[in-house]
Structures are given as C-alpha cells and as structure tokens.
Amino acid sequence: MVKFRSDNGGEYVSCAFKEYLVEAKIKHETSTSYCPWKKDKAKRDNRTIIKSVTNMLHSLGLNLNL
C-alpha cells in the first residue's frame, strides 16, 4: 500500500484531500505533534519528490511550471 506522510497542515487534512487519498487507495499518516524530527523527514521526502518531478519534466523538455 502506498503511504503519504505529512504534518497536520490544513491542506493535508481537508475533506477533499482525504476523499482523494481514499479513492487513490493511499494511506495517510500524519506526524505526531511536537516531533520535529518526523516533520523534517516529511519535508525531506517532499523535497526529494519535487526534485525528481522537476528532473523528469526537464528531461522531457516540458515546462517546469507544470
């Protein structure tokens, strides 16, 4: 099963986002409050994903604003 880890930010706990995760069969895990090391891990993971996507767009010659 695919997992998505995030903090408890409003953009990650909205009803629309929760519905999307359920439809896509993605398990949502939120970090524990006051555990900065978990938040740092989520930020690093997100940065890695963004960098990978940017590299893929660049290699395909697509607009990086996508």
N, C-alpha and C. Protein backbone atom coordinates (compact mmCIF):
# COMPACT_ATOMS: atom_id res chain seq x y z
N MET A 1 0.84 -1.18 0.00
CA MET A 1 0.00 0.00 0.00
C MET A 1 0.89 1.24 0.00
N VAL A 2 0.50 2.22 -0.77
CA VAL A 2 1.22 3.49 -0.84
C VAL A 2 0.86 4.32 0.38
N LYS A 3 1.88 4.98 0.95
CA LYS A 3 1.67 5.83 2.12
C LYS A 3 2.06 7.25 1.79
N PHE A 4 1.34 8.19 2.36
CA PHE A 4 1.65 9.61 2.25
C PHE A 4 1.79 10.16 3.65
N ARG A 5 2.95 10.69 3.96
CA ARG A 5 3.19 11.25 5.30
C ARG A 5 3.21 12.76 5.21
N SER A 6 2.57 13.40 6.19
CA SER A 6 2.53 14.86 6.22
C SER A 6 2.35 15.33 7.65
N ASP A 7 2.45 16.64 7.81
CA ASP A 7 2.10 17.21 9.11
C ASP A 7 0.58 17.40 9.13
N ASN A 8 0.07 18.06 10.12
CA ASN A 8 -1.38 18.25 10.22
C ASN A 8 -1.82 19.57 9.61
N GLY A 9 -1.09 20.03 8.58
CA GLY A 9 -1.45 21.26 7.90
C GLY A 9 -2.83 21.16 7.26
N GLY A 10 -3.50 22.29 7.18
CA GLY A 10 -4.86 22.33 6.65
C GLY A 10 -5.00 21.75 5.26
N GLU A 11 -3.96 21.94 4.42
CA GLU A 11 -4.04 21.42 3.06
C GLU A 11 -4.01 19.90 3.02
N TYR A 12 -3.55 19.27 4.11
CA TYR A 12 -3.45 17.81 4.13
C TYR A 12 -4.60 17.14 4.88
N VAL A 13 -5.41 17.89 5.58
CA VAL A 13 -6.48 17.29 6.35
C VAL A 13 -7.87 17.74 5.88
N SER A 14 -7.91 18.38 4.73
CA SER A 14 -9.21 18.82 4.20
C SER A 14 -10.03 17.61 3.75
N CYS A 15 -11.32 17.76 3.72
CA CYS A 15 -12.20 16.67 3.29
C CYS A 15 -11.91 16.25 1.85
N ALA A 16 -11.69 17.23 0.98
CA ALA A 16 -11.44 16.91 -0.43
C ALA A 16 -10.16 16.09 -0.58
N PHE A 17 -9.11 16.45 0.16
CA PHE A 17 -7.85 15.72 0.08
C PHE A 17 -8.01 14.32 0.65
N LYS A 18 -8.73 14.20 1.76
CA LYS A 18 -8.97 12.88 2.35
C LYS A 18 -9.73 11.98 1.38
N GLU A 19 -10.74 12.53 0.70
CA GLU A 19 -11.50 11.76 -0.28
C GLU A 19 -10.61 11.29 -1.42
N TYR A 20 -9.73 12.19 -1.88
CA TYR A 20 -8.80 11.81 -2.95
C TYR A 20 -7.92 10.65 -2.52
N LEU A 21 -7.37 10.72 -1.31
CA LEU A 21 -6.50 9.65 -0.82
C LEU A 21 -7.25 8.33 -0.74
N VAL A 22 -8.48 8.35 -0.29
CA VAL A 22 -9.28 7.13 -0.20
C VAL A 22 -9.51 6.55 -1.60
N GLU A 23 -9.88 7.41 -2.55
CA GLU A 23 -10.13 6.95 -3.92
C GLU A 23 -8.87 6.38 -4.55
N ALA A 24 -7.72 6.99 -4.26
CA ALA A 24 -6.45 6.55 -4.84
C ALA A 24 -5.82 5.41 -4.03
N LYS A 25 -6.50 4.98 -2.98
CA LYS A 25 -6.03 3.91 -2.11
C LYS A 25 -4.65 4.22 -1.53
N ILE A 26 -4.52 5.45 -1.01
CA ILE A 26 -3.29 5.92 -0.39
C ILE A 26 -3.55 6.09 1.10
N LYS A 27 -2.69 5.49 1.92
CA LYS A 27 -2.83 5.61 3.36
C LYS A 27 -2.15 6.90 3.81
N HIS A 28 -2.86 7.71 4.56
CA HIS A 28 -2.34 8.99 5.03
C HIS A 28 -1.86 8.85 6.46
N GLU A 29 -0.60 9.18 6.69
CA GLU A 29 -0.04 9.18 8.04
C GLU A 29 0.40 10.60 8.37
N THR A 30 -0.02 11.08 9.52
CA THR A 30 0.40 12.42 9.94
C THR A 30 1.44 12.31 11.03
N SER A 31 2.31 13.31 11.08
CA SER A 31 3.35 13.31 12.10
C SER A 31 2.74 13.67 13.45
N THR A 32 3.39 13.20 14.48
CA THR A 32 2.96 13.49 15.85
C THR A 32 3.31 14.93 16.19
N SER A 33 2.44 15.60 16.87
CA SER A 33 2.71 16.97 17.29
C SER A 33 3.96 17.01 18.16
N TYR A 34 4.73 18.07 17.97
CA TYR A 34 5.94 18.32 18.75
C TYR A 34 7.02 17.25 18.54
N CYS A 35 7.08 16.69 17.35
CA CYS A 35 8.14 15.75 16.98
C CYS A 35 8.85 16.30 15.74
N PRO A 36 9.73 17.28 15.93
CA PRO A 36 10.35 17.94 14.78
C PRO A 36 11.12 17.01 13.87
N TRP A 37 11.68 15.92 14.39
CA TRP A 37 12.43 15.01 13.52
C TRP A 37 11.53 14.33 12.51
N LYS A 38 10.28 14.08 12.86
CA LYS A 38 9.35 13.49 11.89
C LYS A 38 8.95 14.52 10.84
N LYS A 39 8.76 15.76 11.27
CA LYS A 39 8.42 16.82 10.33
C LYS A 39 9.57 17.02 9.34
N ASP A 40 10.80 16.97 9.83
CA ASP A 40 11.96 17.11 8.95
C ASP A 40 12.00 15.98 7.92
N LYS A 41 11.66 14.78 8.33
CA LYS A 41 11.64 13.64 7.39
C LYS A 41 10.61 13.88 6.31
N ALA A 42 9.42 14.34 6.67
CA ALA A 42 8.38 14.62 5.68
C ALA A 42 8.83 15.71 4.72
N LYS A 43 9.49 16.74 5.23
CA LYS A 43 9.97 17.81 4.36
C LYS A 43 11.04 17.31 3.41
N ARG A 44 11.96 16.47 3.89
CA ARG A 44 12.98 15.89 3.02
C ARG A 44 12.36 15.02 1.94
N ASP A 45 11.38 14.20 2.33
CA ASP A 45 10.70 13.34 1.36
C ASP A 45 10.01 14.18 0.28
N ASN A 46 9.31 15.23 0.70
CA ASN A 46 8.62 16.10 -0.26
C ASN A 46 9.62 16.79 -1.18
N ARG A 47 10.75 17.24 -0.63
CA ARG A 47 11.77 17.88 -1.44
C ARG A 47 12.34 16.91 -2.48
N THR A 48 12.53 15.65 -2.08
CA THR A 48 13.02 14.62 -3.00
C THR A 48 12.03 14.39 -4.13
N ILE A 49 10.75 14.34 -3.81
CA ILE A 49 9.72 14.14 -4.83
C ILE A 49 9.71 15.31 -5.80
N ILE A 50 9.73 16.53 -5.29
CA ILE A 50 9.71 17.72 -6.14
C ILE A 50 10.93 17.74 -7.06
N LYS A 51 12.10 17.41 -6.51
CA LYS A 51 13.32 17.40 -7.31
C LYS A 51 13.22 16.34 -8.42
N SER A 52 12.69 15.17 -8.10
CA SER A 52 12.53 14.11 -9.10
C SER A 52 11.59 14.53 -10.22
N VAL A 53 10.47 15.12 -9.84
CA VAL A 53 9.49 15.56 -10.84
C VAL A 53 10.09 16.66 -11.72
N THR A 54 10.79 17.59 -11.11
CA THR A 54 11.43 18.66 -11.88
C THR A 54 12.43 18.09 -12.87
N ASN A 55 13.23 17.12 -12.44
CA ASN A 55 14.19 16.48 -13.35
C ASN A 55 13.49 15.75 -14.49
N MET A 56 12.37 15.08 -14.21
CA MET A 56 11.64 14.39 -15.26
C MET A 56 11.07 15.38 -16.27
N LEU A 57 10.49 16.47 -15.78
CA LEU A 57 9.94 17.49 -16.68
C LEU A 57 11.04 18.08 -17.56
N HIS A 58 12.19 18.37 -16.95
CA HIS A 58 13.30 18.95 -17.69
C HIS A 58 13.80 17.97 -18.77
N SER A 59 13.93 16.69 -18.42
CA SER A 59 14.45 15.71 -19.37
C SER A 59 13.48 15.49 -20.54
N LEU A 60 12.20 15.75 -20.31
CA LEU A 60 11.20 15.60 -21.38
C LEU A 60 11.00 16.89 -22.16
N GLY A 61 11.69 17.94 -21.72
CA GLY A 61 11.57 19.23 -22.41
C GLY A 61 10.26 19.94 -22.12
N LEU A 62 9.63 19.59 -21.01
CA LEU A 62 8.35 20.21 -20.66
C LEU A 62 8.57 21.44 -19.79
N ASN A 63 7.55 22.26 -19.70
CA ASN A 63 7.59 23.48 -18.90
C ASN A 63 7.73 23.12 -17.43
N LEU A 64 8.70 23.70 -16.74
CA LEU A 64 8.92 23.39 -15.33
C LEU A 64 7.81 23.95 -14.43
N ASN A 65 6.96 24.82 -14.96
CA ASN A 65 5.84 25.34 -14.17
C ASN A 65 4.70 24.35 -14.02
N LEU A 66 4.78 23.23 -14.71
CA LEU A 66 3.74 22.21 -14.54
C LEU A 66 3.82 21.67 -13.14
